[in-house]
Amino acid sequence: MAGLTEEQINALIVIERTCSTVSLVACAFTILTFCCSKYFSKSINRLIFYASFGNILTNIGTMMGRSFIDEPDSAGCQAQAFLIQTFLPADVLWTLSMAINVYLTFYHKFEARDLRRIEPIYLLLCYGIPFIPGFTFLFVKDRGGDRIYGPAVSWCWISREWDVLRVAAFYAPMWFCILFIFAIYIRAGRTIFQVRKQVYVFQSSDLDPISIDEVTSFPATDPTLTMEAIHDPDPTQLEHNLGLQQPNSYAGGSSSETATRPHSVHLATNKSTQSNQSDGPHATYYDYATPPHRGSNPPQPRQPSHSATSRALRLIRRRNHERDNAAWSYTKCALLFFTAMLITWIPSSANRLYSLTHHNSVSAPLEFMSVFVLPLQGFWNCLVYVVTSWTATKNLFHDMWLAGRAFAIDRMDRIRRRTHNEETPES
């Protein structure tokens, strides 16, 4: 092979198979834990679970290494090229699906059950779209009878004679998806920052606890929290983001008694907040005292119990804290997936561009980097799977430790009883 020595080729094979083995073990961990443990049953984990099957098929192809590279027309070479061309880019499409879920959750109020309904569409598209060119290339030949699939330095894939097709049918679509994912995460990141800022302001504001009229429990579904404010003499706009509204400012008066306060807190569940009606079967209001009017006796508000007031404030603040944590979890997960994609695709893309601009020359460092990162897609996905479900992972290993400990104690008791029976003479 031009540009690589025999020792370098052997090293490439070792790296390919080692990284493929690590990735296969990681995929097996993802699939087994998702199927056997209740701790990992989250929506984003389910998408990683689906992507793991494509990672396994990719690793089967990369595990073959250069076994069939000298026989381009053989079934082994064609099968290896098909697996790599079809299932290697599918991982990027699954990451795009996760980004779309973030977008639908943030901007279209999709819930977990809504996201689950569209997962069959993700399955069809993420594996169906790359399957079309991957399967078509099996039957395409040039005028000389040479197939598209053939030797590609590290394994069988699109051969050198079709080098432009590598960019057009593989790298260009993948980078388009990566940039699209990046755009979604940038927008979501800005929204998360705004929400965290507003939640902080709301949690830091002083609500008058004795002005709450009635306290009821939160509904079981995820509520949308809004605050309505009345100002004297002029109303002001309310800040609004992701269902959270707050007064920008309170009208000042000659004394603290003339300052306006929020008039009510409205808790609306499901999608009733998007309707034109402010009241509905899913609405609960927390009424505040009407601000005093100049020149007249202020109305007397009804006084609730102190425990009910404290419970209402705790529930409101806890709900905002939970939303804040959920938004930050989305940010961390998005960052991890995007970082994993960059680690996977930057070295291999640089290697392909080098080959294209240097007349099919081989760069040994870039080739080594490519065969190191590409087979590890399943490992990167498993790493994100574990990090984003760290509590579930700890619970799983804790349960395994308890089960192992119980098994060891039971076995020791059996050995002790058997030894005792053997040492005790029969009567």
Protein backbone atom coordinates (compact mmCIF):
# COMPACT_ATOMS: atom_id res chain seq x y z
CA MET A 1 0.00 0.00 0.00
CA ALA A 2 1.47 3.34 -1.14
CA GLY A 3 2.35 5.63 1.74
CA LEU A 4 2.15 2.98 4.46
CA THR A 5 4.69 0.42 5.52
CA GLU A 6 3.88 -3.16 6.42
CA GLU A 7 4.27 -2.38 10.12
CA GLN A 8 1.88 0.55 9.85
CA ILE A 9 -0.70 -1.61 8.06
CA ASN A 10 -0.49 -4.24 10.80
CA ALA A 11 -0.86 -1.52 13.43
CA LEU A 12 -3.97 -0.24 11.62
CA ILE A 13 -5.53 -3.70 11.79
CA VAL A 14 -4.80 -3.98 15.51
CA ILE A 15 -6.34 -0.56 16.21
CA GLU A 16 -9.42 -1.32 14.12
CA ARG A 17 -10.17 -4.57 15.86
CA THR A 18 -9.34 -3.33 19.35
CA CYS A 19 -11.57 -0.26 19.07
CA SER A 20 -14.32 -2.33 17.46
CA THR A 21 -14.21 -4.78 20.37
CA VAL A 22 -14.42 -1.96 22.93
CA SER A 23 -17.37 -0.48 21.08
CA LEU A 24 -19.16 -3.85 20.88
CA VAL A 25 -18.81 -4.31 24.64
CA ALA A 26 -20.16 -0.79 25.21
CA CYS A 27 -23.13 -1.45 22.92
CA ALA A 28 -23.85 -4.70 24.74
CA PHE A 29 -23.86 -2.78 28.04
CA THR A 30 -26.29 -0.21 26.63
CA ILE A 31 -28.68 -2.82 25.25
CA LEU A 32 -28.61 -5.08 28.31
CA THR A 33 -29.06 -2.31 30.87
CA PHE A 34 -31.88 -0.70 28.90
CA CYS A 35 -33.72 -4.01 28.50
CA CYS A 36 -33.13 -5.36 31.99
CA SER A 37 -33.12 -2.30 34.24
CA LYS A 38 -35.99 0.06 34.97
CA TYR A 39 -33.55 2.83 35.87
CA PHE A 40 -32.67 3.62 32.24
CA SER A 41 -36.16 3.98 30.77
CA LYS A 42 -35.78 7.58 29.62
CA SER A 43 -36.64 8.93 26.18
CA ILE A 44 -33.10 9.91 25.28
CA ASN A 45 -31.78 6.54 26.46
CA ARG A 46 -34.26 4.82 24.18
CA LEU A 47 -32.79 6.64 21.16
CA ILE A 48 -29.27 5.58 22.18
CA PHE A 49 -30.64 2.05 22.53
CA TYR A 50 -31.92 2.15 18.94
CA ALA A 51 -28.64 3.63 17.68
CA SER A 52 -26.65 0.84 19.36
CA PHE A 53 -27.88 -1.74 16.86
CA GLY A 54 -26.44 0.32 14.01
CA ASN A 55 -23.20 0.68 15.98
CA ILE A 56 -23.00 -3.10 16.32
CA LEU A 57 -23.41 -3.62 12.58
CA THR A 58 -20.79 -0.94 11.91
CA ASN A 59 -18.37 -2.68 14.27
CA ILE A 60 -18.96 -5.99 12.52
CA GLY A 61 -17.75 -4.29 9.35
CA THR A 62 -14.76 -2.59 10.95
CA MET A 63 -13.84 -5.79 12.80
CA MET A 64 -13.15 -7.41 9.42
CA GLY A 65 -10.31 -4.95 8.92
CA ARG A 66 -8.37 -5.62 5.73
CA SER A 67 -9.34 -9.28 5.46
CA PHE A 68 -11.05 -8.84 2.05
CA ILE A 69 -9.31 -5.75 0.74
CA ASP A 70 -7.35 -7.74 -1.86
CA GLU A 71 -10.57 -9.33 -3.20
CA PRO A 72 -12.79 -6.34 -4.09
CA ASP A 73 -15.37 -8.44 -5.95
CA SER A 74 -15.78 -10.95 -3.14
CA ALA A 75 -18.94 -11.14 -1.04
CA GLY A 76 -16.92 -10.33 2.09
CA CYS A 77 -15.55 -7.06 0.69
CA GLN A 78 -18.93 -5.97 -0.65
CA ALA A 79 -20.68 -6.84 2.62
CA GLN A 80 -18.10 -4.95 4.67
CA ALA A 81 -18.41 -1.87 2.46
CA PHE A 82 -22.22 -2.03 2.65
CA LEU A 83 -22.20 -2.20 6.45
CA ILE A 84 -19.85 0.78 6.76
CA GLN A 85 -21.64 2.90 4.17
CA THR A 86 -25.10 2.20 5.65
CA PHE A 87 -24.67 2.13 9.41
CA LEU A 88 -21.73 4.45 10.06
CA PRO A 89 -23.67 7.61 9.04
CA ALA A 90 -26.83 6.36 10.77
CA ASP A 91 -25.28 7.36 14.09
CA VAL A 92 -25.25 11.04 13.05
CA LEU A 93 -28.91 10.77 12.05
CA TRP A 94 -29.76 9.42 15.50
CA THR A 95 -27.97 12.38 17.06
CA LEU A 96 -30.02 14.63 14.78
CA SER A 97 -33.16 12.91 16.08
CA MET A 98 -32.11 13.72 19.64
CA ALA A 99 -31.62 17.36 18.67
CA ILE A 100 -35.06 17.42 17.03
CA ASN A 101 -36.52 16.06 20.27
CA VAL A 102 -34.90 18.95 22.14
CA TYR A 103 -36.43 21.39 19.66
CA LEU A 104 -39.91 19.83 19.90
CA THR A 105 -39.76 19.80 23.69
CA PHE A 106 -38.66 23.41 24.03
CA TYR A 107 -40.68 25.11 21.33
CA HIS A 108 -43.70 22.87 20.67
CA LYS A 109 -44.39 21.61 24.22
CA PHE A 110 -43.98 17.92 23.29
CA GLU A 111 -44.18 15.55 26.22
CA ALA A 112 -42.59 12.12 26.64
CA ARG A 113 -45.58 10.29 25.18
CA ASP A 114 -45.60 12.63 22.15
CA LEU A 115 -41.91 11.96 21.49
CA ARG A 116 -42.45 8.23 21.79
CA ARG A 117 -45.10 8.31 19.05
CA ILE A 118 -42.60 9.63 16.50
CA GLU A 119 -39.83 7.15 17.34
CA PRO A 120 -40.98 4.69 14.62
CA ILE A 121 -40.46 7.52 12.13
CA TYR A 122 -36.93 8.01 13.48
CA LEU A 123 -36.25 4.28 13.08
CA LEU A 124 -37.43 4.33 9.48
CA LEU A 125 -35.49 7.45 8.50
CA CYS A 126 -32.25 6.91 10.44
CA TYR A 127 -31.72 3.46 8.96
CA GLY A 128 -33.73 3.85 5.77
CA ILE A 129 -32.07 6.97 4.34
CA PRO A 130 -28.47 5.63 4.40
CA PHE A 131 -29.72 2.20 3.29
CA ILE A 132 -30.77 3.56 -0.12
CA PRO A 133 -27.28 4.61 -1.36
CA GLY A 134 -25.61 1.79 0.57
CA PHE A 135 -27.71 -0.84 -1.19
CA THR A 136 -27.59 0.90 -4.58
CA PHE A 137 -23.79 1.00 -4.63
CA LEU A 138 -23.73 -2.79 -4.54
CA PHE A 139 -24.94 -2.92 -8.14
CA VAL A 140 -23.28 0.12 -9.76
CA LYS A 141 -20.22 -0.36 -11.97
CA ASP A 142 -18.25 1.94 -14.25
CA ARG A 143 -17.63 1.31 -17.95
CA GLY A 144 -14.63 -0.83 -17.13
CA GLY A 145 -16.75 -3.10 -14.91
CA ASP A 146 -15.21 -1.83 -11.66
CA ARG A 147 -17.56 -1.67 -8.69
CA ILE A 148 -18.03 1.35 -6.42
CA TYR A 149 -17.14 -0.72 -3.39
CA GLY A 150 -13.51 -1.74 -3.23
CA PRO A 151 -10.20 -1.15 -1.39
CA ALA A 152 -10.07 1.97 0.80
CA VAL A 153 -6.74 1.68 2.70
CA SER A 154 -8.15 0.56 6.07
CA TRP A 155 -11.10 -1.57 4.91
CA CYS A 156 -13.40 -2.14 1.98
CA TRP A 157 -15.50 0.91 1.23
CA ILE A 158 -15.94 3.30 -1.71
CA SER A 159 -12.81 2.73 -3.78
CA ARG A 160 -10.29 5.38 -4.80
CA GLU A 161 -11.62 5.62 -8.34
CA TRP A 162 -14.87 6.98 -6.85
CA ASP A 163 -13.20 9.32 -4.36
CA VAL A 164 -15.50 12.26 -5.14
CA LEU A 165 -18.47 10.04 -4.33
CA ARG A 166 -17.08 9.57 -0.83
CA VAL A 167 -17.60 13.28 -0.18
CA ALA A 168 -20.87 13.63 -2.08
CA ALA A 169 -22.62 10.54 -0.66
CA PHE A 170 -21.05 10.37 2.78
CA TYR A 171 -19.18 13.32 4.28
CA ALA A 172 -21.19 16.22 2.81
CA PRO A 173 -24.59 14.94 4.10
CA MET A 174 -23.07 14.15 7.47
CA TRP A 175 -21.62 17.61 7.91
CA PHE A 176 -24.89 19.17 6.82
CA CYS A 177 -26.61 17.24 9.63
CA ILE A 178 -23.90 18.22 12.11
CA LEU A 179 -24.29 21.93 11.30
CA PHE A 180 -28.06 21.62 11.58
CA ILE A 181 -27.68 19.97 14.99
CA PHE A 182 -25.32 22.74 16.05
CA ALA A 183 -27.90 25.37 15.04
CA ILE A 184 -30.61 23.65 17.12
CA TYR A 185 -28.37 23.48 20.18
CA ILE A 186 -27.31 27.11 19.83
CA ARG A 187 -30.94 28.23 19.82
CA ALA A 188 -31.86 25.91 22.68
CA GLY A 189 -28.85 27.15 24.65
CA ARG A 190 -30.00 30.74 24.34
CA THR A 191 -33.48 29.77 25.48
CA ILE A 192 -32.09 27.82 28.44
CA PHE A 193 -29.99 30.81 29.48
CA GLN A 194 -33.03 33.10 29.39
CA VAL A 195 -35.16 30.65 31.36
CA ARG A 196 -32.49 30.14 34.02
CA LYS A 197 -32.16 33.90 34.37
CA GLN A 198 -35.91 34.38 34.78
CA VAL A 199 -36.23 31.49 37.21
CA TYR A 200 -33.48 33.03 39.30
CA VAL A 201 -35.28 36.38 39.36
CA PHE A 202 -38.55 34.70 40.30
CA GLN A 203 -36.98 32.65 43.06
CA SER A 204 -35.23 35.74 44.41
CA SER A 205 -38.37 37.92 44.40
CA ASP A 206 -40.28 38.51 47.61
CA LEU A 207 -43.87 37.33 47.35
CA ASP A 208 -46.26 38.46 50.03
CA PRO A 209 -47.18 35.20 51.79
CA ILE A 210 -50.23 36.57 53.60
CA SER A 211 -51.84 37.75 50.35
CA ILE A 212 -52.47 34.26 49.00
CA ASP A 213 -56.17 33.55 48.98
CA GLU A 214 -56.42 29.84 48.30
CA VAL A 215 -53.92 27.04 48.06
CA THR A 216 -54.48 23.81 46.19
CA SER A 217 -52.12 21.01 45.25
CA PHE A 218 -50.29 20.90 41.93
CA PRO A 219 -51.82 18.65 39.26
CA ALA A 220 -50.10 15.40 38.39
CA THR A 221 -49.17 16.59 34.93
CA ASP A 222 -46.47 19.14 34.23
CA PRO A 223 -48.00 22.59 34.78
CA THR A 224 -47.25 25.81 32.99
CA LEU A 225 -46.59 28.60 35.42
CA THR A 226 -47.68 32.15 34.63
CA MET A 227 -47.92 35.28 36.71
CA GLU A 228 -50.35 38.08 36.01
CA ALA A 229 -49.61 41.55 37.31
CA ILE A 230 -51.78 44.63 37.71
CA HIS A 231 -50.08 48.01 37.96
CA ASP A 232 -51.35 51.39 39.05
CA PRO A 233 -51.66 53.60 37.12
CA ASP A 234 -50.29 51.99 33.92
CA PRO A 235 -49.85 48.26 33.08
CA THR A 236 -46.46 47.02 31.89
CA GLN A 237 -45.41 44.13 29.72
CA LEU A 238 -44.66 40.77 31.27
CA GLU A 239 -41.61 38.80 30.36
CA HIS A 240 -42.54 35.50 28.80
CA ASN A 241 -40.43 32.46 27.99
CA LEU A 242 -41.39 28.80 27.88
CA GLY A 243 -44.60 29.37 29.79
CA LEU A 244 -42.90 31.40 32.53
CA GLN A 245 -44.08 35.01 32.88
CA GLN A 246 -42.87 37.59 35.36
CA PRO A 247 -43.48 41.26 35.93
CA ASN A 248 -40.60 43.36 34.67
CA SER A 249 -41.06 46.05 37.28
CA TYR A 250 -43.45 47.25 39.89
CA ALA A 251 -44.91 50.71 39.79
CA GLY A 252 -43.44 52.86 42.48
CA GLY A 253 -45.41 54.97 44.91
CA SER A 254 -44.86 57.35 47.71
CA SER A 255 -44.51 54.50 50.14
CA SER A 256 -44.17 50.75 50.15
CA GLU A 257 -47.89 50.42 50.74
CA THR A 258 -48.71 51.90 47.32
CA ALA A 259 -46.49 49.52 45.34
CA THR A 260 -48.32 47.10 43.10
CA ARG A 261 -47.95 43.38 43.48
CA PRO A 262 -48.72 40.38 41.32
CA HIS A 263 -52.48 39.93 41.29
CA SER A 264 -52.60 36.21 40.66
CA VAL A 265 -50.57 33.15 39.89
CA HIS A 266 -52.12 30.95 37.23
CA LEU A 267 -51.20 27.27 37.01
CA ALA A 268 -52.44 25.71 33.77
CA THR A 269 -51.81 22.10 32.86
CA ASN A 270 -51.33 20.42 29.48
CA LYS A 271 -51.79 22.76 26.50
CA SER A 272 -54.69 24.80 27.84
CA THR A 273 -52.42 27.84 28.18
CA GLN A 274 -52.27 28.11 24.41
CA SER A 275 -56.02 28.66 24.16
CA ASN A 276 -57.65 32.05 24.14
CA GLN A 277 -59.59 31.27 27.30
CA SER A 278 -57.84 32.07 30.55
CA ASP A 279 -60.01 29.71 32.57
CA GLY A 280 -60.63 26.07 32.03
CA PRO A 281 -60.97 22.74 33.72
CA HIS A 282 -57.20 22.52 34.21
CA ALA A 283 -56.65 25.96 35.71
CA THR A 284 -55.96 26.90 39.32
CA TYR A 285 -55.60 30.48 40.55
CA TYR A 286 -53.75 31.83 43.53
CA ASP A 287 -55.28 35.26 44.18
CA TYR A 288 -53.28 38.05 45.69
CA ALA A 289 -54.71 41.06 47.45
CA THR A 290 -55.78 43.93 45.19
CA PRO A 291 -53.37 46.86 45.69
CA PRO A 292 -54.69 49.73 47.76
CA HIS A 293 -56.22 52.69 45.90
CA ARG A 294 -55.43 56.25 46.71
CA GLY A 295 -58.18 58.12 48.42
CA SER A 296 -60.24 55.07 49.30
CA ASN A 297 -60.22 52.36 51.88
CA PRO A 298 -58.34 49.31 50.59
CA PRO A 299 -60.31 46.07 50.41
CA GLN A 300 -59.55 43.56 53.08
CA PRO A 301 -57.97 40.37 51.69
CA ARG A 302 -58.86 36.99 52.98
CA GLN A 303 -56.14 35.53 55.16
CA PRO A 304 -55.11 31.90 54.59
CA SER A 305 -53.35 29.71 57.07
CA HIS A 306 -49.60 30.08 57.34
CA SER A 307 -48.95 26.39 56.57
CA ALA A 308 -51.00 26.55 53.35
CA THR A 309 -49.16 29.67 52.27
CA SER A 310 -45.75 28.12 52.90
CA ARG A 311 -46.75 24.96 51.03
CA ALA A 312 -47.82 26.97 47.97
CA LEU A 313 -44.55 28.88 47.86
CA ARG A 314 -42.52 25.71 48.31
CA LEU A 315 -44.38 23.98 45.47
CA ILE A 316 -43.89 26.93 43.12
CA ARG A 317 -40.22 27.21 43.88
CA ARG A 318 -39.69 23.46 43.64
CA ARG A 319 -41.38 23.35 40.24
CA ASN A 320 -39.11 26.12 38.97
CA HIS A 321 -36.08 24.37 40.40
CA GLU A 322 -37.05 21.14 38.63
CA ARG A 323 -37.48 22.96 35.33
CA ASP A 324 -34.16 24.67 35.81
CA ASN A 325 -32.43 21.32 36.38
CA ALA A 326 -34.19 19.73 33.40
CA ALA A 327 -33.09 22.55 31.11
CA TRP A 328 -29.51 22.28 32.31
CA SER A 329 -29.60 18.49 31.78
CA TYR A 330 -30.62 19.05 28.19
CA THR A 331 -27.68 21.44 27.78
CA LYS A 332 -25.17 18.95 29.17
CA CYS A 333 -26.55 16.13 27.07
CA ALA A 334 -26.47 18.25 23.91
CA LEU A 335 -22.88 19.26 24.60
CA LEU A 336 -21.80 15.68 25.13
CA PHE A 337 -23.38 14.44 21.93
CA PHE A 338 -21.97 17.30 19.90
CA THR A 339 -18.50 16.73 21.35
CA ALA A 340 -18.73 13.00 20.55
CA MET A 341 -19.66 13.83 16.96
CA LEU A 342 -16.75 16.22 16.56
CA ILE A 343 -14.33 13.63 17.96
CA THR A 344 -15.65 11.07 15.48
CA TRP A 345 -15.95 13.10 12.31
CA ILE A 346 -13.24 15.78 12.34
CA PRO A 347 -10.23 13.41 11.96
CA SER A 348 -11.92 11.24 9.33
CA SER A 349 -13.13 14.29 7.38
CA ALA A 350 -9.66 15.81 7.47
CA ASN A 351 -8.24 12.52 6.20
CA ARG A 352 -10.70 12.46 3.33
CA LEU A 353 -9.99 16.06 2.35
CA TYR A 354 -6.25 15.37 2.43
CA SER A 355 -6.70 12.40 0.12
CA LEU A 356 -8.89 14.43 -2.22
CA THR A 357 -6.50 17.39 -2.45
CA HIS A 358 -3.28 15.35 -2.64
CA HIS A 359 -4.19 12.99 -5.50
CA ASN A 360 -5.17 10.00 -3.32
CA SER A 361 -2.06 10.24 -1.16
CA VAL A 362 -2.20 8.68 2.31
CA SER A 363 -1.41 10.59 5.48
CA ALA A 364 -0.37 8.05 8.10
CA PRO A 365 -1.27 10.21 11.16
CA LEU A 366 -4.73 11.05 9.78
CA GLU A 367 -5.32 7.44 8.78
CA PHE A 368 -4.46 6.23 12.27
CA MET A 369 -6.73 8.83 13.82
CA SER A 370 -9.60 7.83 11.52
CA VAL A 371 -9.41 4.12 12.29
CA PHE A 372 -9.21 4.96 15.99
CA VAL A 373 -12.31 7.21 16.27
CA LEU A 374 -14.71 5.77 13.69
CA PRO A 375 -15.15 2.28 15.21
CA LEU A 376 -15.68 3.84 18.65
CA GLN A 377 -19.09 5.37 17.91
CA GLY A 378 -20.82 2.81 20.11
CA PHE A 379 -18.38 3.57 22.92
CA TRP A 380 -19.00 7.33 22.71
CA ASN A 381 -22.76 6.75 22.75
CA CYS A 382 -22.44 4.46 25.76
CA LEU A 383 -20.34 7.08 27.53
CA VAL A 384 -23.04 9.70 26.99
CA TYR A 385 -25.63 7.10 28.04
CA VAL A 386 -23.84 6.54 31.35
CA VAL A 387 -23.06 10.20 32.06
CA THR A 388 -26.61 11.41 31.42
CA SER A 389 -27.96 8.53 33.53
CA TRP A 390 -25.31 8.59 36.23
CA THR A 391 -27.80 8.15 39.06
CA ALA A 392 -29.36 5.18 37.27
CA THR A 393 -25.91 3.69 36.70
CA LYS A 394 -25.04 4.00 40.37
CA ASN A 395 -28.36 2.45 41.37
CA LEU A 396 -27.75 -0.43 38.96
CA PHE A 397 -24.29 -1.21 40.31
CA HIS A 398 -25.57 -0.82 43.88
CA ASP A 399 -28.27 -3.40 43.19
CA MET A 400 -25.70 -5.68 41.57
CA TRP A 401 -23.44 -5.32 44.63
CA LEU A 402 -26.32 -6.14 46.99
CA ALA A 403 -27.30 -9.14 44.88
CA GLY A 404 -23.71 -10.38 44.79
CA ARG A 405 -23.34 -9.88 48.51
CA ALA A 406 -26.57 -11.78 49.21
CA PHE A 407 -25.41 -14.59 46.92
CA ALA A 408 -22.02 -14.79 48.66
CA ILE A 409 -23.62 -14.84 52.13
CA ASP A 410 -26.06 -17.54 51.08
CA ARG A 411 -23.26 -19.64 49.60
CA MET A 412 -21.14 -19.28 52.73
CA ASP A 413 -24.10 -20.34 54.88
CA ARG A 414 -24.59 -23.42 52.74
CA ILE A 415 -20.91 -24.34 53.00
CA ARG A 416 -20.99 -23.77 56.76
CA ARG A 417 -24.06 -25.96 57.20
CA ARG A 418 -22.61 -28.69 55.02
CA THR A 419 -19.33 -28.62 56.95
CA HIS A 420 -21.20 -28.70 60.25
CA ASN A 421 -23.25 -31.70 59.11
CA GLU A 422 -20.12 -33.55 57.99
CA GLU A 423 -18.35 -32.93 61.30
CA THR A 424 -21.33 -33.88 63.46
CA PRO A 425 -21.45 -37.68 64.07
CA GLU A 426 -24.64 -39.46 63.29
CA SER A 427 -26.69 -40.42 66.30
